[in-house]
């Protein structure tokens, strides 16, 4: 777990809001990013999950490093993708206070949550409205090449085999931390 990425001292005087997600869903998303957008990986999703450089160990190491360093920043908040998906306005309502801008009206956070609905973001990406080349999608792109791909929690079940899920779960049980899996 050592190395430059483990040193979070540059965040000492900062507020860190970390978005966490189920490791299995994270791996599926990373696989499509690696194979359909950046095209630097050509193997199967099973090979990707097990890859030393890109797979489960990379994701688990990232979360373990932040878990170990969560006391380093001035303030730290973990937001689960799954919680954000279930209650976007409620989660967004906590963020202004955390970042030091209290008093944002509930109607404003509700409007932000409505604006950021999956359908709106997918449409904006399809029409290249983000004005950012990293978020641009090619015309007639493969649906799995979108950054805003499915907007689903637990979607890993549609892509990973039972063996892959068991292997990832075992790796997480051995090398994960409380940041790596949402509360049941």
N, C-alpha and C. Protein backbone atom coordinates (compact mmCIF):
# COMPACT_ATOMS: atom_id res chain seq x y z
N UNK A 1 0.83 -1.19 0.00
CA UNK A 1 0.00 0.00 0.00
C UNK A 1 0.86 1.25 0.00
N UNK A 2 2.15 1.10 0.02
CA UNK A 2 3.04 2.25 0.01
C UNK A 2 3.14 2.82 -1.40
N UNK A 3 3.82 3.91 -1.51
CA UNK A 3 4.01 4.54 -2.82
C UNK A 3 3.47 5.94 -2.81
N UNK A 4 3.72 6.67 -3.90
CA UNK A 4 3.32 8.07 -3.97
C UNK A 4 1.81 8.27 -3.80
N UNK A 5 1.00 7.37 -4.35
CA UNK A 5 -0.45 7.54 -4.25
C UNK A 5 -0.94 7.37 -2.81
N UNK A 6 -0.18 6.67 -1.99
CA UNK A 6 -0.59 6.46 -0.59
C UNK A 6 -0.39 7.71 0.25
N UNK A 7 0.48 8.60 -0.19
CA UNK A 7 0.75 9.84 0.55
C UNK A 7 -0.33 10.86 0.23
N UNK A 8 -1.18 11.12 1.17
CA UNK A 8 -2.29 12.06 0.97
C UNK A 8 -2.02 13.41 1.64
N UNK A 9 -0.76 13.70 1.96
CA UNK A 9 -0.43 14.93 2.69
C UNK A 9 -0.81 16.19 1.91
N UNK A 10 -0.86 16.12 0.60
CA UNK A 10 -1.26 17.30 -0.17
C UNK A 10 -2.71 17.70 0.10
N UNK A 11 -3.48 16.83 0.73
CA UNK A 11 -4.88 17.10 1.04
C UNK A 11 -5.07 17.60 2.48
N UNK A 12 -3.97 17.82 3.21
CA UNK A 12 -4.04 18.15 4.63
C UNK A 12 -4.97 19.33 4.93
N UNK A 13 -4.93 20.36 4.16
CA UNK A 13 -5.75 21.54 4.42
C UNK A 13 -7.00 21.61 3.54
N UNK A 14 -7.38 20.49 3.01
CA UNK A 14 -8.49 20.46 2.05
C UNK A 14 -9.67 19.66 2.62
N UNK A 15 -10.78 19.83 1.94
CA UNK A 15 -11.96 19.00 2.21
C UNK A 15 -12.00 17.97 1.08
N UNK A 16 -12.14 16.72 1.42
CA UNK A 16 -12.18 15.65 0.43
C UNK A 16 -13.54 14.97 0.48
N UNK A 17 -14.24 14.99 -0.64
CA UNK A 17 -15.48 14.26 -0.79
C UNK A 17 -15.16 13.10 -1.72
N UNK A 18 -15.18 11.90 -1.19
CA UNK A 18 -14.82 10.70 -1.96
C UNK A 18 -16.09 9.98 -2.36
N UNK A 19 -16.24 9.75 -3.65
CA UNK A 19 -17.38 8.98 -4.15
C UNK A 19 -16.96 7.52 -4.23
N UNK A 20 -17.60 6.69 -3.42
CA UNK A 20 -17.30 5.26 -3.41
C UNK A 20 -18.39 4.50 -4.14
N UNK A 21 -18.01 3.33 -4.65
CA UNK A 21 -18.95 2.51 -5.41
C UNK A 21 -18.61 1.05 -5.21
N UNK A 22 -19.60 0.19 -5.31
CA UNK A 22 -19.38 -1.25 -5.24
C UNK A 22 -18.22 -1.62 -6.17
N UNK A 23 -17.27 -2.36 -5.65
CA UNK A 23 -16.06 -2.71 -6.40
C UNK A 23 -16.41 -3.42 -7.70
N UNK A 24 -17.40 -4.29 -7.67
CA UNK A 24 -17.78 -5.04 -8.87
C UNK A 24 -18.32 -4.11 -9.95
N UNK A 25 -19.17 -3.17 -9.57
CA UNK A 25 -19.66 -2.20 -10.54
C UNK A 25 -18.54 -1.29 -11.03
N UNK A 26 -17.64 -0.92 -10.13
CA UNK A 26 -16.49 -0.09 -10.51
C UNK A 26 -15.65 -0.79 -11.57
N UNK A 27 -15.41 -2.07 -11.38
CA UNK A 27 -14.60 -2.83 -12.35
C UNK A 27 -15.28 -2.91 -13.71
N UNK A 28 -16.59 -3.11 -13.73
CA UNK A 28 -17.31 -3.16 -15.01
C UNK A 28 -17.20 -1.81 -15.71
N UNK A 29 -17.42 -0.74 -14.98
CA UNK A 29 -17.31 0.60 -15.56
C UNK A 29 -15.90 0.87 -16.07
N UNK A 30 -14.90 0.50 -15.28
CA UNK A 30 -13.50 0.69 -15.70
C UNK A 30 -13.17 -0.14 -16.93
N UNK A 31 -13.73 -1.34 -17.00
CA UNK A 31 -13.50 -2.20 -18.17
C UNK A 31 -14.02 -1.53 -19.44
N UNK A 32 -15.23 -1.02 -19.40
CA UNK A 32 -15.77 -0.38 -20.59
C UNK A 32 -15.02 0.90 -20.93
N UNK A 33 -14.56 1.61 -19.94
CA UNK A 33 -13.75 2.80 -20.18
C UNK A 33 -12.44 2.40 -20.88
N UNK A 34 -11.83 1.32 -20.40
CA UNK A 34 -10.55 0.85 -20.95
C UNK A 34 -10.68 0.24 -22.34
N UNK A 35 -11.83 -0.39 -22.61
CA UNK A 35 -11.98 -1.10 -23.89
C UNK A 35 -12.77 -0.33 -24.93
N UNK A 36 -13.68 0.53 -24.53
CA UNK A 36 -14.56 1.20 -25.50
C UNK A 36 -14.26 2.68 -25.67
N UNK A 37 -13.64 3.29 -24.68
CA UNK A 37 -13.32 4.72 -24.80
C UNK A 37 -11.84 4.93 -25.08
N UNK A 38 -10.99 4.50 -24.17
CA UNK A 38 -9.55 4.73 -24.33
C UNK A 38 -8.87 3.63 -25.14
N UNK A 39 -9.47 2.47 -25.17
CA UNK A 39 -9.00 1.33 -25.98
C UNK A 39 -7.56 0.92 -25.69
N UNK A 40 -7.21 0.86 -24.43
CA UNK A 40 -5.86 0.41 -24.08
C UNK A 40 -5.87 -1.02 -23.54
N UNK A 41 -7.03 -1.63 -23.42
CA UNK A 41 -7.12 -3.01 -22.95
C UNK A 41 -7.96 -3.79 -23.95
N UNK A 42 -7.49 -4.99 -24.32
CA UNK A 42 -8.20 -5.76 -25.34
C UNK A 42 -8.70 -7.12 -24.85
N UNK A 43 -8.46 -7.45 -23.60
CA UNK A 43 -8.87 -8.75 -23.07
C UNK A 43 -10.32 -8.78 -22.63
N UNK A 44 -10.69 -9.88 -22.03
CA UNK A 44 -12.05 -10.07 -21.52
C UNK A 44 -12.24 -9.32 -20.21
N UNK A 45 -13.49 -9.19 -19.80
CA UNK A 45 -13.77 -8.54 -18.52
C UNK A 45 -13.19 -9.37 -17.37
N UNK A 46 -13.19 -10.68 -17.52
CA UNK A 46 -12.60 -11.56 -16.51
C UNK A 46 -11.11 -11.29 -16.38
N UNK A 47 -10.42 -11.17 -17.51
CA UNK A 47 -8.98 -10.87 -17.49
C UNK A 47 -8.73 -9.49 -16.91
N UNK A 48 -9.58 -8.53 -17.23
CA UNK A 48 -9.44 -7.17 -16.71
C UNK A 48 -9.54 -7.17 -15.18
N UNK A 49 -10.54 -7.85 -14.65
CA UNK A 49 -10.74 -7.89 -13.20
C UNK A 49 -9.52 -8.46 -12.48
N UNK A 50 -8.83 -9.38 -13.14
CA UNK A 50 -7.68 -10.04 -12.53
C UNK A 50 -6.34 -9.39 -12.89
N UNK A 51 -6.39 -8.40 -13.76
CA UNK A 51 -5.16 -7.75 -14.21
C UNK A 51 -4.50 -6.99 -13.05
N UNK A 52 -3.20 -7.21 -12.87
CA UNK A 52 -2.49 -6.58 -11.75
C UNK A 52 -2.48 -5.06 -11.84
N UNK A 53 -2.46 -4.54 -13.03
CA UNK A 53 -2.35 -3.09 -13.21
C UNK A 53 -3.71 -2.38 -13.16
N UNK A 54 -4.75 -3.02 -13.70
CA UNK A 54 -6.04 -2.35 -13.86
C UNK A 54 -7.18 -2.93 -13.03
N UNK A 55 -7.03 -4.11 -12.51
CA UNK A 55 -8.13 -4.85 -11.92
C UNK A 55 -8.45 -4.57 -10.48
N UNK A 56 -8.96 -5.61 -9.82
CA UNK A 56 -9.49 -5.48 -8.47
C UNK A 56 -8.46 -4.95 -7.48
N UNK A 57 -7.21 -5.34 -7.63
CA UNK A 57 -6.20 -4.85 -6.68
C UNK A 57 -6.01 -3.34 -6.76
N UNK A 58 -6.12 -2.78 -7.96
CA UNK A 58 -6.01 -1.33 -8.11
C UNK A 58 -7.15 -0.63 -7.36
N UNK A 59 -8.36 -1.14 -7.54
CA UNK A 59 -9.53 -0.53 -6.89
C UNK A 59 -9.44 -0.67 -5.38
N UNK A 60 -9.11 -1.87 -4.91
CA UNK A 60 -9.02 -2.09 -3.47
C UNK A 60 -7.90 -1.26 -2.84
N UNK A 61 -6.79 -1.14 -3.53
CA UNK A 61 -5.68 -0.33 -3.02
C UNK A 61 -6.09 1.13 -2.89
N UNK A 62 -6.78 1.65 -3.90
CA UNK A 62 -7.26 3.03 -3.86
C UNK A 62 -8.12 3.27 -2.61
N UNK A 63 -9.10 2.39 -2.39
CA UNK A 63 -9.98 2.56 -1.23
C UNK A 63 -9.24 2.37 0.09
N UNK A 64 -8.34 1.40 0.16
CA UNK A 64 -7.58 1.20 1.40
C UNK A 64 -6.71 2.42 1.70
N UNK A 65 -6.10 3.00 0.67
CA UNK A 65 -5.27 4.19 0.89
C UNK A 65 -6.10 5.33 1.45
N UNK A 66 -7.27 5.56 0.89
CA UNK A 66 -8.10 6.64 1.40
C UNK A 66 -8.66 6.31 2.78
N UNK A 67 -8.99 5.07 3.02
CA UNK A 67 -9.47 4.68 4.34
C UNK A 67 -8.40 4.95 5.39
N UNK A 68 -7.17 4.58 5.08
CA UNK A 68 -6.06 4.78 6.02
C UNK A 68 -5.75 6.26 6.22
N UNK A 69 -6.01 7.08 5.20
CA UNK A 69 -5.65 8.50 5.26
C UNK A 69 -6.85 9.41 5.50
N UNK A 70 -7.98 8.86 5.86
CA UNK A 70 -9.19 9.69 5.97
C UNK A 70 -9.08 10.78 7.03
N UNK A 71 -8.14 10.66 7.96
CA UNK A 71 -7.94 11.70 8.98
C UNK A 71 -6.98 12.79 8.51
N UNK A 72 -6.34 12.60 7.36
CA UNK A 72 -5.36 13.58 6.87
C UNK A 72 -6.02 14.88 6.44
N UNK A 73 -7.05 14.85 5.61
CA UNK A 73 -7.66 16.12 5.19
C UNK A 73 -8.31 16.85 6.36
N UNK A 74 -8.52 18.14 6.16
CA UNK A 74 -9.22 18.94 7.17
C UNK A 74 -10.61 18.37 7.41
N UNK A 75 -11.25 17.90 6.33
CA UNK A 75 -12.57 17.27 6.44
C UNK A 75 -12.65 16.18 5.37
N UNK A 76 -13.35 15.12 5.70
CA UNK A 76 -13.48 13.99 4.78
C UNK A 76 -14.92 13.50 4.81
N UNK A 77 -15.47 13.25 3.63
CA UNK A 77 -16.83 12.73 3.53
C UNK A 77 -16.85 11.65 2.46
N UNK A 78 -17.34 10.48 2.82
CA UNK A 78 -17.53 9.39 1.87
C UNK A 78 -18.98 9.40 1.44
N UNK A 79 -19.20 9.48 0.14
CA UNK A 79 -20.54 9.40 -0.43
C UNK A 79 -20.59 8.13 -1.27
N UNK A 80 -21.55 7.29 -1.01
CA UNK A 80 -21.70 6.06 -1.78
C UNK A 80 -22.52 6.32 -3.03
N UNK A 81 -22.04 5.82 -4.15
CA UNK A 81 -22.78 5.91 -5.41
C UNK A 81 -24.19 5.35 -5.23
N UNK A 82 -24.28 4.25 -4.52
CA UNK A 82 -25.57 3.59 -4.33
C UNK A 82 -26.52 4.48 -3.53
N UNK A 83 -26.01 5.18 -2.53
CA UNK A 83 -26.84 6.11 -1.74
C UNK A 83 -27.25 7.31 -2.59
N UNK A 84 -26.32 7.79 -3.40
CA UNK A 84 -26.61 8.91 -4.29
C UNK A 84 -27.69 8.52 -5.30
N UNK A 85 -27.62 7.30 -5.76
CA UNK A 85 -28.60 6.79 -6.71
C UNK A 85 -29.98 6.69 -6.06
N UNK A 86 -30.02 6.25 -4.81
CA UNK A 86 -31.29 6.07 -4.10
C UNK A 86 -31.91 7.39 -3.65
N UNK A 87 -31.08 8.37 -3.28
CA UNK A 87 -31.59 9.63 -2.72
C UNK A 87 -30.71 10.80 -3.16
N UNK A 88 -30.72 11.14 -4.46
CA UNK A 88 -29.80 12.18 -4.92
C UNK A 88 -30.01 13.53 -4.24
N UNK A 89 -31.24 13.95 -4.06
CA UNK A 89 -31.48 15.26 -3.43
C UNK A 89 -31.03 15.25 -1.97
N UNK A 90 -31.26 14.15 -1.27
CA UNK A 90 -30.84 14.05 0.12
C UNK A 90 -29.33 14.10 0.28
N UNK A 91 -28.63 13.36 -0.58
CA UNK A 91 -27.16 13.36 -0.52
C UNK A 91 -26.62 14.73 -0.92
N UNK A 92 -27.14 15.27 -2.03
CA UNK A 92 -26.67 16.59 -2.47
C UNK A 92 -26.97 17.66 -1.43
N UNK A 93 -28.01 17.48 -0.66
CA UNK A 93 -28.34 18.44 0.38
C UNK A 93 -27.29 18.51 1.48
N UNK A 94 -26.52 17.45 1.67
CA UNK A 94 -25.46 17.43 2.70
C UNK A 94 -24.16 18.04 2.20
N UNK A 95 -23.97 18.09 0.90
CA UNK A 95 -22.69 18.52 0.34
C UNK A 95 -22.39 20.00 0.59
N UNK A 96 -23.32 20.93 0.39
CA UNK A 96 -22.97 22.34 0.63
C UNK A 96 -22.43 22.61 2.03
N UNK A 97 -23.04 22.03 3.03
CA UNK A 97 -22.56 22.20 4.41
C UNK A 97 -21.13 21.67 4.52
N UNK A 98 -20.88 20.50 3.93
CA UNK A 98 -19.55 19.90 4.00
C UNK A 98 -18.49 20.77 3.34
N UNK A 99 -18.81 21.35 2.19
CA UNK A 99 -17.80 22.14 1.47
C UNK A 99 -17.71 23.57 1.97
N UNK A 100 -18.53 23.91 2.96
CA UNK A 100 -18.41 25.22 3.57
C UNK A 100 -19.34 26.27 3.00
N UNK A 101 -20.41 25.85 2.36
CA UNK A 101 -21.40 26.80 1.85
C UNK A 101 -22.78 26.42 2.38
N UNK A 102 -22.98 26.58 3.69
CA UNK A 102 -24.27 26.21 4.27
C UNK A 102 -25.37 27.14 3.80
N UNK A 103 -26.59 26.73 4.01
CA UNK A 103 -27.72 27.59 3.71
C UNK A 103 -28.23 27.48 2.28
N UNK A 104 -27.77 26.50 1.53
CA UNK A 104 -28.31 26.32 0.17
C UNK A 104 -29.73 25.78 0.32
N UNK A 105 -30.69 26.46 -0.28
CA UNK A 105 -32.09 26.02 -0.12
C UNK A 105 -32.31 24.61 -0.65
N UNK A 106 -33.19 23.88 0.01
CA UNK A 106 -33.51 22.51 -0.41
C UNK A 106 -34.02 22.49 -1.85
N UNK A 107 -34.72 23.53 -2.25
CA UNK A 107 -35.23 23.59 -3.63
C UNK A 107 -34.07 23.63 -4.64
N UNK A 108 -32.97 24.26 -4.26
CA UNK A 108 -31.80 24.34 -5.14
C UNK A 108 -31.15 22.97 -5.29
N UNK A 109 -30.98 22.26 -4.19
CA UNK A 109 -30.38 20.93 -4.29
C UNK A 109 -31.32 19.96 -5.00
N UNK A 110 -32.62 20.12 -4.81
CA UNK A 110 -33.59 19.27 -5.52
C UNK A 110 -33.52 19.54 -7.02
N UNK A 111 -33.37 20.82 -7.40
CA UNK A 111 -33.25 21.16 -8.82
C UNK A 111 -31.95 20.61 -9.40
N UNK A 112 -30.88 20.67 -8.63
CA UNK A 112 -29.60 20.11 -9.09
C UNK A 112 -29.72 18.60 -9.29
N UNK A 113 -30.37 17.93 -8.36
CA UNK A 113 -30.57 16.48 -8.49
C UNK A 113 -31.42 16.16 -9.70
N UNK A 114 -32.44 16.96 -9.94
CA UNK A 114 -33.29 16.75 -11.11
C UNK A 114 -32.51 16.96 -12.40
N UNK A 115 -31.70 18.00 -12.44
CA UNK A 115 -30.88 18.29 -13.62
C UNK A 115 -29.90 17.15 -13.90
N UNK A 116 -29.37 16.54 -12.84
CA UNK A 116 -28.35 15.50 -12.98
C UNK A 116 -28.94 14.09 -13.12
N UNK A 117 -30.24 14.00 -13.40
CA UNK A 117 -30.84 12.68 -13.62
C UNK A 117 -30.13 11.97 -14.77
N UNK A 118 -30.08 10.66 -14.70
CA UNK A 118 -29.40 9.85 -15.70
C UNK A 118 -29.81 10.23 -17.12
N UNK A 119 -31.10 10.35 -17.36
CA UNK A 119 -31.60 10.63 -18.71
C UNK A 119 -31.06 11.96 -19.23
N UNK A 120 -31.01 12.98 -18.37
CA UNK A 120 -30.49 14.29 -18.78
C UNK A 120 -29.01 14.22 -19.09
N UNK A 121 -28.24 13.55 -18.23
CA UNK A 121 -26.80 13.45 -18.46
C UNK A 121 -26.50 12.62 -19.70
N UNK A 122 -27.24 11.56 -19.91
CA UNK A 122 -27.03 10.72 -21.09
C UNK A 122 -27.33 11.51 -22.36
N UNK A 123 -28.41 12.27 -22.34
CA UNK A 123 -28.77 13.10 -23.49
C UNK A 123 -27.71 14.16 -23.75
N UNK A 124 -27.23 14.80 -22.70
CA UNK A 124 -26.18 15.83 -22.85
C UNK A 124 -24.91 15.21 -23.42
N UNK A 125 -24.55 14.02 -22.96
CA UNK A 125 -23.36 13.36 -23.50
C UNK A 125 -23.56 12.99 -24.96
N UNK A 126 -24.72 12.45 -25.30
CA UNK A 126 -25.00 12.05 -26.68
C UNK A 126 -24.93 13.25 -27.62
N UNK A 127 -25.31 14.42 -27.11
CA UNK A 127 -25.28 15.63 -27.95
C UNK A 127 -23.99 16.43 -27.77
N UNK A 128 -23.02 15.87 -27.04
CA UNK A 128 -21.71 16.50 -26.79
C UNK A 128 -21.85 17.92 -26.23
N UNK A 129 -22.68 18.07 -25.21
CA UNK A 129 -22.93 19.38 -24.61
C UNK A 129 -21.98 19.72 -23.46
N UNK A 130 -21.07 18.82 -23.10
CA UNK A 130 -20.23 19.06 -21.93
C UNK A 130 -19.02 19.94 -22.21
N UNK A 131 -18.73 20.23 -23.46
CA UNK A 131 -17.60 21.09 -23.82
C UNK A 131 -16.30 20.62 -23.18
N UNK A 132 -16.11 19.30 -23.21
CA UNK A 132 -14.91 18.70 -22.64
C UNK A 132 -14.57 17.48 -23.49
N UNK A 133 -13.41 17.48 -24.14
CA UNK A 133 -13.07 16.35 -25.01
C UNK A 133 -13.04 15.00 -24.30
N UNK A 134 -12.74 15.00 -23.00
CA UNK A 134 -12.72 13.74 -22.25
C UNK A 134 -14.13 13.15 -22.09
N UNK A 135 -15.14 13.99 -22.22
CA UNK A 135 -16.51 13.52 -22.06
C UNK A 135 -17.23 13.35 -23.39
N UNK A 136 -16.55 13.67 -24.49
CA UNK A 136 -17.17 13.56 -25.81
C UNK A 136 -17.33 12.09 -26.20
N UNK A 137 -18.43 11.81 -26.86
CA UNK A 137 -18.70 10.47 -27.37
C UNK A 137 -18.80 10.55 -28.89
N UNK A 138 -18.24 9.55 -29.55
CA UNK A 138 -18.28 9.54 -31.01
C UNK A 138 -19.72 9.40 -31.50
N UNK A 139 -20.02 9.99 -32.66
CA UNK A 139 -21.37 9.82 -33.23
C UNK A 139 -21.66 8.32 -33.41
N UNK A 140 -22.89 7.94 -33.16
CA UNK A 140 -23.33 6.54 -33.28
C UNK A 140 -22.46 5.60 -32.45
N UNK A 141 -22.01 6.07 -31.32
CA UNK A 141 -21.11 5.29 -30.47
C UNK A 141 -21.80 4.07 -29.90
N UNK A 142 -21.00 3.08 -29.63
CA UNK A 142 -21.44 1.89 -28.91
C UNK A 142 -22.04 2.36 -27.58
N UNK A 143 -23.22 1.89 -27.21
CA UNK A 143 -23.82 2.32 -25.94
C UNK A 143 -22.91 2.10 -24.73
N UNK A 144 -22.05 1.10 -24.80
CA UNK A 144 -21.14 0.84 -23.68
C UNK A 144 -19.92 1.76 -23.70
N UNK A 145 -19.81 2.64 -24.70
CA UNK A 145 -18.71 3.59 -24.76
C UNK A 145 -19.05 4.91 -24.06
N UNK A 146 -20.30 5.08 -23.67
CA UNK A 146 -20.71 6.31 -23.00
C UNK A 146 -20.14 6.37 -21.58
N UNK A 147 -19.78 7.57 -21.13
CA UNK A 147 -19.41 7.77 -19.73
C UNK A 147 -20.66 7.55 -18.86
N UNK A 148 -21.77 8.11 -19.32
CA UNK A 148 -23.06 7.91 -18.67
C UNK A 148 -23.66 6.68 -19.36
N UNK A 149 -23.28 5.51 -18.87
CA UNK A 149 -23.56 4.28 -19.60
C UNK A 149 -24.91 3.68 -19.27
N UNK A 150 -25.16 3.36 -18.01
CA UNK A 150 -26.41 2.68 -17.66
C UNK A 150 -27.11 3.28 -16.45
N UNK A 151 -26.38 3.93 -15.58
CA UNK A 151 -27.00 4.55 -14.41
C UNK A 151 -27.67 3.53 -13.50
N UNK A 152 -27.01 2.41 -13.29
CA UNK A 152 -27.61 1.30 -12.56
C UNK A 152 -26.68 0.85 -11.44
N UNK A 153 -27.25 0.47 -10.32
CA UNK A 153 -26.45 -0.15 -9.27
C UNK A 153 -26.66 -1.66 -9.37
N UNK A 154 -25.61 -2.41 -9.11
CA UNK A 154 -25.70 -3.87 -9.21
C UNK A 154 -25.67 -4.38 -10.64
N UNK A 155 -25.36 -3.51 -11.59
CA UNK A 155 -25.32 -3.92 -12.99
C UNK A 155 -24.21 -4.90 -13.32
N UNK A 156 -23.27 -5.06 -12.40
CA UNK A 156 -22.17 -6.00 -12.63
C UNK A 156 -22.70 -7.40 -12.93
N UNK A 157 -23.87 -7.72 -12.40
CA UNK A 157 -24.46 -9.06 -12.60
C UNK A 157 -24.72 -9.35 -14.08
N UNK A 158 -24.88 -8.30 -14.87
CA UNK A 158 -25.13 -8.47 -16.30
C UNK A 158 -23.86 -8.74 -17.09
N UNK A 159 -22.70 -8.57 -16.48
CA UNK A 159 -21.43 -8.68 -17.20
C UNK A 159 -20.45 -9.68 -16.61
N UNK A 160 -20.46 -9.84 -15.31
CA UNK A 160 -19.49 -10.72 -14.65
C UNK A 160 -20.09 -12.11 -14.45
N UNK A 161 -19.28 -13.12 -14.67
CA UNK A 161 -19.72 -14.50 -14.42
C UNK A 161 -19.79 -14.75 -12.91
N UNK A 162 -20.44 -15.83 -12.54
CA UNK A 162 -20.49 -16.21 -11.12
C UNK A 162 -19.08 -16.43 -10.58
N UNK A 163 -18.20 -17.01 -11.40
CA UNK A 163 -16.81 -17.22 -10.98
C UNK A 163 -16.10 -15.89 -10.76
N UNK A 164 -16.34 -14.92 -11.66
CA UNK A 164 -15.73 -13.60 -11.50
C UNK A 164 -16.20 -12.94 -10.21
N UNK A 165 -17.50 -12.98 -9.98
CA UNK A 165 -18.06 -12.36 -8.77
C UNK A 165 -17.48 -13.01 -7.52
N UNK A 166 -17.40 -14.34 -7.52
CA UNK A 166 -16.84 -15.04 -6.36
C UNK A 166 -15.37 -14.67 -6.16
N UNK A 167 -14.63 -14.55 -7.24
CA UNK A 167 -13.21 -14.20 -7.15
C UNK A 167 -13.04 -12.77 -6.61
N UNK A 168 -13.82 -11.84 -7.13
CA UNK A 168 -13.76 -10.45 -6.68
C UNK A 168 -14.18 -10.35 -5.21
N UNK A 169 -15.27 -11.04 -4.86
CA UNK A 169 -15.73 -11.02 -3.47
C UNK A 169 -14.67 -11.57 -2.52
N UNK A 170 -13.98 -12.62 -2.94
CA UNK A 170 -12.92 -13.20 -2.10
C UNK A 170 -11.76 -12.21 -1.95
N UNK A 171 -11.39 -11.55 -3.04
CA UNK A 171 -10.31 -10.55 -2.98
C UNK A 171 -10.71 -9.41 -2.06
N UNK A 172 -11.96 -8.99 -2.16
CA UNK A 172 -12.44 -7.89 -1.32
C UNK A 172 -12.49 -8.30 0.15
N UNK A 173 -12.92 -9.52 0.41
CA UNK A 173 -12.96 -10.00 1.80
C UNK A 173 -11.56 -10.04 2.40
N UNK A 174 -10.58 -10.37 1.57
CA UNK A 174 -9.20 -10.48 2.05
C UNK A 174 -8.49 -9.14 2.12
N UNK A 175 -8.73 -8.26 1.12
CA UNK A 175 -7.92 -7.04 1.00
C UNK A 175 -8.74 -5.76 0.96
N UNK A 176 -10.02 -5.84 1.23
CA UNK A 176 -10.87 -4.65 1.18
C UNK A 176 -10.89 -3.91 2.51
N UNK A 177 -11.79 -2.95 2.61
CA UNK A 177 -11.99 -2.18 3.83
C UNK A 177 -13.43 -1.72 3.86
N UNK A 178 -13.81 -0.98 4.88
CA UNK A 178 -15.21 -0.57 4.99
C UNK A 178 -15.66 0.35 3.85
N UNK A 179 -14.73 0.92 3.10
CA UNK A 179 -15.11 1.78 1.98
C UNK A 179 -15.48 0.98 0.73
N UNK A 180 -15.18 -0.32 0.70
CA UNK A 180 -15.29 -1.05 -0.56
C UNK A 180 -16.65 -1.66 -0.84
N UNK A 181 -17.55 -1.68 0.10
CA UNK A 181 -18.87 -2.26 -0.16
C UNK A 181 -19.92 -1.46 0.57
N UNK A 182 -21.00 -1.12 -0.13
CA UNK A 182 -22.06 -0.37 0.55
C UNK A 182 -22.70 -1.21 1.65
N UNK A 183 -23.25 -0.52 2.63
CA UNK A 183 -23.95 -1.21 3.71
C UNK A 183 -25.15 -1.94 3.12
N UNK A 184 -25.42 -3.11 3.64
CA UNK A 184 -26.55 -3.92 3.13
C UNK A 184 -27.87 -3.35 3.59
